[in-house]
Amino acid sequence: MTVFNLRKYQKSDLEDILTIFNGTVQAINKKDYTQQQIDQWVQLKPDYEKWHATLDSTYSVVALNRMEVIGFGNISDTGELDYLYVDKKWIGYGIGKMIATDLMNHALNAGAKELTVYSSITAKPFFESLGFELVEQKVQYRNGVMLMNYLMVYRKATK
């Protein structure tokens, strides 16, 4: 039986994180996005300091299979979920849900009343399965290429 675990992000994880990010976008999201859109999304020359600043200033975790980083995610204490990616080889093993649940619990315990995410078309059903609801379809342009995603929200059930 394979056992996965989470730990807090460390700067030494950056190379693995960017490999997962680019690999997942190129392999998994291609079913919902054109190659031209994917080319705008992937980061072949990433700004490592910017990535580190984002991950270091939010609650960020990596999922591990033994010592191998196989997923990552981050969320602010105010409930803005930014990244949630799983290595393409490990999709379907519950790792995304494990990361998402940890991130969501962290933000809710920190006092967030609702959680938001800008979801890709590909990830929209995943976030819906976690209780997120569609608020708005968003369209933005990057270098003249249209990129679409969805603003989704999770509201904590009130008793």
C-alpha atoms as a PDB file:
ATOM      1  CA  MET A   1       0.000   0.000   0.000  1.00  0.00           C
ATOM      2  CA  THR A   2       1.282   3.431  -0.945  1.00  0.00           C
ATOM      3  CA  VAL A   3       1.093   6.047   1.782  1.00  0.00           C
ATOM      4  CA  PHE A   4       1.119   9.722   0.906  1.00  0.00           C
ATOM      5  CA  ASN A   5       1.815  12.502   3.336  1.00  0.00           C
ATOM      6  CA  LEU A   6       1.946  16.285   3.400  1.00  0.00           C
ATOM      7  CA  ARG A   7       4.553  18.638   4.715  1.00  0.00           C
ATOM      8  CA  LYS A   8       5.095  22.358   4.558  1.00  0.00           C
ATOM      9  CA  TYR A   9       6.696  23.826   1.439  1.00  0.00           C
ATOM     10  CA  GLN A  10      10.474  24.390   1.471  1.00  0.00           C
ATOM     11  CA  LYS A  11      12.438  26.469  -1.037  1.00  0.00           C
ATOM     12  CA  SER A  12      14.284  23.303  -2.080  1.00  0.00           C
ATOM     13  CA  ASP A  13      10.937  22.024  -3.484  1.00  0.00           C
ATOM     14  CA  LEU A  14      10.777  24.693  -6.213  1.00  0.00           C
ATOM     15  CA  GLU A  15      12.332  22.640  -9.008  1.00  0.00           C
ATOM     16  CA  ASP A  16       9.950  19.731  -8.376  1.00  0.00           C
ATOM     17  CA  ILE A  17       6.963  22.091  -8.072  1.00  0.00           C
ATOM     18  CA  LEU A  18       7.673  23.755 -11.403  1.00  0.00           C
ATOM     19  CA  THR A  19       8.185  20.390 -13.100  1.00  0.00           C
ATOM     20  CA  ILE A  20       4.788  19.264 -11.771  1.00  0.00           C
ATOM     21  CA  PHE A  21       3.122  22.545 -12.756  1.00  0.00           C
ATOM     22  CA  ASN A  22       4.411  22.505 -16.344  1.00  0.00           C
ATOM     23  CA  GLY A  23       3.984  18.751 -16.801  1.00  0.00           C
ATOM     24  CA  THR A  24       0.420  18.717 -15.545  1.00  0.00           C
ATOM     25  CA  VAL A  25      -0.641  21.714 -17.618  1.00  0.00           C
ATOM     26  CA  GLN A  26       0.898  20.206 -20.751  1.00  0.00           C
ATOM     27  CA  ALA A  27      -0.432  16.664 -20.236  1.00  0.00           C
ATOM     28  CA  ILE A  28      -3.758  17.021 -18.423  1.00  0.00           C
ATOM     29  CA  ASN A  29      -5.105  20.421 -19.418  1.00  0.00           C
ATOM     30  CA  LYS A  30      -4.572  19.801 -23.139  1.00  0.00           C
ATOM     31  CA  LYS A  31      -7.976  18.119 -23.293  1.00  0.00           C
ATOM     32  CA  ASP A  32      -9.652  21.466 -22.503  1.00  0.00           C
ATOM     33  CA  TYR A  33      -7.212  24.045 -23.898  1.00  0.00           C
ATOM     34  CA  THR A  34      -5.530  24.618 -27.247  1.00  0.00           C
ATOM     35  CA  GLN A  35      -1.768  24.290 -27.615  1.00  0.00           C
ATOM     36  CA  GLN A  36      -1.608  28.063 -28.080  1.00  0.00           C
ATOM     37  CA  GLN A  37      -3.367  28.545 -24.722  1.00  0.00           C
ATOM     38  CA  ILE A  38      -1.133  26.001 -22.993  1.00  0.00           C
ATOM     39  CA  ASP A  39       1.949  27.757 -24.381  1.00  0.00           C
ATOM     40  CA  GLN A  40       0.801  30.916 -22.558  1.00  0.00           C
ATOM     41  CA  TRP A  41       0.169  29.013 -19.336  1.00  0.00           C
ATOM     42  CA  VAL A  42       3.345  26.974 -18.935  1.00  0.00           C
ATOM     43  CA  GLN A  43       6.462  28.604 -17.568  1.00  0.00           C
ATOM     44  CA  LEU A  44       9.507  27.453 -19.460  1.00  0.00           C
ATOM     45  CA  LYS A  45      11.591  30.223 -17.870  1.00  0.00           C
ATOM     46  CA  PRO A  46       9.967  30.604 -14.468  1.00  0.00           C
ATOM     47  CA  ASP A  47      10.733  33.407 -12.071  1.00  0.00           C
ATOM     48  CA  TYR A  48      11.906  31.265  -9.152  1.00  0.00           C
ATOM     49  CA  GLU A  49      12.036  34.182  -6.725  1.00  0.00           C
ATOM     50  CA  LYS A  50       8.446  35.160  -7.540  1.00  0.00           C
ATOM     51  CA  TRP A  51       7.257  31.560  -7.103  1.00  0.00           C
ATOM     52  CA  HIS A  52       9.128  31.292  -3.805  1.00  0.00           C
ATOM     53  CA  ALA A  53       7.744  34.622  -2.565  1.00  0.00           C
ATOM     54  CA  THR A  54       4.187  33.463  -3.319  1.00  0.00           C
ATOM     55  CA  LEU A  55       4.590  30.040  -1.741  1.00  0.00           C
ATOM     56  CA  ASP A  56       6.568  31.332   1.239  1.00  0.00           C
ATOM     57  CA  SER A  57       4.006  34.046   2.076  1.00  0.00           C
ATOM     58  CA  THR A  58       0.992  31.690   2.060  1.00  0.00           C
ATOM     59  CA  TYR A  59       0.161  28.360   3.633  1.00  0.00           C
ATOM     60  CA  SER A  60       1.840  26.013   1.166  1.00  0.00           C
ATOM     61  CA  VAL A  61       2.211  22.245   1.272  1.00  0.00           C
ATOM     62  CA  VAL A  62       3.727  19.506  -0.837  1.00  0.00           C
ATOM     63  CA  ALA A  63       2.444  15.966  -1.129  1.00  0.00           C
ATOM     64  CA  LEU A  64       5.051  13.241  -0.884  1.00  0.00           C
ATOM     65  CA  ASN A  65       5.295   9.623  -1.897  1.00  0.00           C
ATOM     66  CA  ARG A  66       8.213   8.622   0.290  1.00  0.00           C
ATOM     67  CA  MET A  67      10.647  11.466  -0.504  1.00  0.00           C
ATOM     68  CA  GLU A  68       9.289  12.335  -3.971  1.00  0.00           C
ATOM     69  CA  VAL A  69       7.235  15.521  -4.347  1.00  0.00           C
ATOM     70  CA  ILE A  70       4.098  14.499  -6.251  1.00  0.00           C
ATOM     71  CA  GLY A  71       1.810  17.494  -5.690  1.00  0.00           C
ATOM     72  CA  PHE A  72       1.567  20.922  -4.149  1.00  0.00           C
ATOM     73  CA  GLY A  73      -0.881  23.636  -3.233  1.00  0.00           C
ATOM     74  CA  ASN A  74      -1.220  26.898  -1.397  1.00  0.00           C
ATOM     75  CA  ILE A  75      -3.883  29.116   0.153  1.00  0.00           C
ATOM     76  CA  SER A  76      -3.901  32.444   1.954  1.00  0.00           C
ATOM     77  CA  ASP A  77      -5.254  32.787   5.480  1.00  0.00           C
ATOM     78  CA  THR A  78      -8.102  34.822   3.952  1.00  0.00           C
ATOM     79  CA  GLY A  79      -9.122  31.850   1.789  1.00  0.00           C
ATOM     80  CA  GLU A  80      -7.662  32.517  -1.652  1.00  0.00           C
ATOM     81  CA  LEU A  81      -6.588  29.149  -3.044  1.00  0.00           C
ATOM     82  CA  ASP A  82      -3.898  29.857  -5.633  1.00  0.00           C
ATOM     83  CA  TYR A  83      -2.175  26.641  -6.731  1.00  0.00           C
ATOM     84  CA  LEU A  84      -3.267  23.021  -6.556  1.00  0.00           C
ATOM     85  CA  TYR A  85      -1.420  20.626  -8.858  1.00  0.00           C
ATOM     86  CA  VAL A  86      -0.686  16.924  -8.797  1.00  0.00           C
ATOM     87  CA  ASP A  87       1.960  15.183 -10.896  1.00  0.00           C
ATOM     88  CA  LYS A  88       0.262  13.710 -13.971  1.00  0.00           C
ATOM     89  CA  LYS A  89       1.416  10.201 -12.961  1.00  0.00           C
ATOM     90  CA  TRP A  90      -0.407  10.485  -9.631  1.00  0.00           C
ATOM     91  CA  ILE A  91      -3.791  11.905 -10.657  1.00  0.00           C
ATOM     92  CA  GLY A  92      -6.634   9.686  -9.482  1.00  0.00           C
ATOM     93  CA  TYR A  93      -5.021   8.550  -6.219  1.00  0.00           C
ATOM     94  CA  GLY A  94      -6.762  11.075  -3.959  1.00  0.00           C
ATOM     95  CA  ILE A  95      -3.730  13.329  -3.639  1.00  0.00           C
ATOM     96  CA  GLY A  96      -5.526  16.422  -4.948  1.00  0.00           C
ATOM     97  CA  LYS A  97      -8.333  15.904  -2.463  1.00  0.00           C
ATOM     98  CA  MET A  98      -5.825  15.373   0.360  1.00  0.00           C
ATOM     99  CA  ILE A  99      -4.031  18.641  -0.492  1.00  0.00           C
ATOM    100  CA  ALA A 100      -7.300  20.558  -1.010  1.00  0.00           C
ATOM    101  CA  THR A 101      -8.779  19.363   2.285  1.00  0.00           C
ATOM    102  CA  ASP A 102      -5.645  20.421   4.173  1.00  0.00           C
ATOM    103  CA  LEU A 103      -5.593  23.848   2.497  1.00  0.00           C
ATOM    104  CA  MET A 104      -9.309  24.410   3.062  1.00  0.00           C
ATOM    105  CA  ASN A 105      -9.099  23.395   6.722  1.00  0.00           C
ATOM    106  CA  HIS A 106      -6.126  25.705   7.262  1.00  0.00           C
ATOM    107  CA  ALA A 107      -7.909  28.763   5.845  1.00  0.00           C
ATOM    108  CA  LEU A 108     -11.187  28.033   7.636  1.00  0.00           C
ATOM    109  CA  ASN A 109      -9.330  27.527  10.926  1.00  0.00           C
ATOM    110  CA  ALA A 110      -7.488  30.818  10.290  1.00  0.00           C
ATOM    111  CA  GLY A 111     -10.879  32.550  10.168  1.00  0.00           C
ATOM    112  CA  ALA A 112     -11.763  32.650   6.466  1.00  0.00           C
ATOM    113  CA  LYS A 113     -15.550  32.737   6.010  1.00  0.00           C
ATOM    114  CA  GLU A 114     -15.349  31.647   2.378  1.00  0.00           C
ATOM    115  CA  LEU A 115     -12.723  30.224   0.064  1.00  0.00           C
ATOM    116  CA  THR A 116     -12.151  31.269  -3.526  1.00  0.00           C
ATOM    117  CA  VAL A 117     -10.288  29.747  -6.438  1.00  0.00           C
ATOM    118  CA  TYR A 118      -9.809  30.637 -10.090  1.00  0.00           C
ATOM    119  CA  SER A 119     -10.234  27.167 -11.532  1.00  0.00           C
ATOM    120  CA  SER A 120      -9.233  25.896 -14.931  1.00  0.00           C
ATOM    121  CA  ILE A 121     -11.892  24.271 -17.099  1.00  0.00           C
ATOM    122  CA  THR A 122     -10.182  20.963 -16.345  1.00  0.00           C
ATOM    123  CA  ALA A 123     -10.276  21.366 -12.545  1.00  0.00           C
ATOM    124  CA  LYS A 124     -13.813  22.784 -12.325  1.00  0.00           C
ATOM    125  CA  PRO A 125     -15.512  19.385 -11.686  1.00  0.00           C
ATOM    126  CA  PHE A 126     -12.900  18.607  -9.003  1.00  0.00           C
ATOM    127  CA  PHE A 127     -13.632  21.821  -7.127  1.00  0.00           C
ATOM    128  CA  GLU A 128     -17.381  21.273  -7.500  1.00  0.00           C
ATOM    129  CA  SER A 129     -16.921  17.850  -5.865  1.00  0.00           C
ATOM    130  CA  LEU A 130     -15.383  19.653  -2.865  1.00  0.00           C
ATOM    131  CA  GLY A 131     -18.398  21.943  -2.491  1.00  0.00           C
ATOM    132  CA  PHE A 132     -17.179  24.961  -4.479  1.00  0.00           C
ATOM    133  CA  GLU A 133     -19.831  26.761  -6.518  1.00  0.00           C
ATOM    134  CA  LEU A 134     -19.402  28.623  -9.778  1.00  0.00           C
ATOM    135  CA  VAL A 135     -19.603  32.390  -9.382  1.00  0.00           C
ATOM    136  CA  GLU A 136     -18.381  33.688 -12.720  1.00  0.00           C
ATOM    137  CA  GLN A 137     -16.660  32.624 -15.915  1.00  0.00           C
ATOM    138  CA  LYS A 138     -13.573  34.783 -16.430  1.00  0.00           C
ATOM    139  CA  VAL A 139     -11.817  35.557 -19.691  1.00  0.00           C
ATOM    140  CA  GLN A 140      -8.388  37.139 -19.862  1.00  0.00           C
ATOM    141  CA  TYR A 141      -5.901  37.616 -22.638  1.00  0.00           C
ATOM    142  CA  ARG A 142      -2.213  36.853 -22.411  1.00  0.00           C
ATOM    143  CA  ASN A 143      -0.136  37.963 -25.396  1.00  0.00           C
ATOM    144  CA  GLY A 144      -3.336  38.124 -27.426  1.00  0.00           C
ATOM    145  CA  VAL A 145      -4.370  34.567 -26.516  1.00  0.00           C
ATOM    146  CA  MET A 146      -7.706  34.081 -24.749  1.00  0.00           C
ATOM    147  CA  LEU A 147      -7.506  32.125 -21.494  1.00  0.00           C
ATOM    148  CA  MET A 148     -10.685  31.154 -19.671  1.00  0.00           C
ATOM    149  CA  ASN A 149     -11.173  30.088 -16.092  1.00  0.00           C
ATOM    150  CA  TYR A 150     -13.857  30.117 -13.422  1.00  0.00           C
ATOM    151  CA  LEU A 151     -14.157  32.038 -10.199  1.00  0.00           C
ATOM    152  CA  MET A 152     -15.506  29.548  -7.685  1.00  0.00           C
ATOM    153  CA  VAL A 153     -16.390  29.941  -4.025  1.00  0.00           C
ATOM    154  CA  TYR A 154     -16.752  27.642  -1.043  1.00  0.00           C
ATOM    155  CA  ARG A 155     -18.865  28.953   1.788  1.00  0.00           C
ATOM    156  CA  LYS A 156     -18.524  27.429   5.212  1.00  0.00           C
ATOM    157  CA  ALA A 157     -21.791  25.908   6.353  1.00  0.00           C
ATOM    158  CA  THR A 158     -23.299  27.924   9.165  1.00  0.00           C
ATOM    159  CA  LYS A 159     -24.970  26.187  12.071  1.00  0.00           C
END
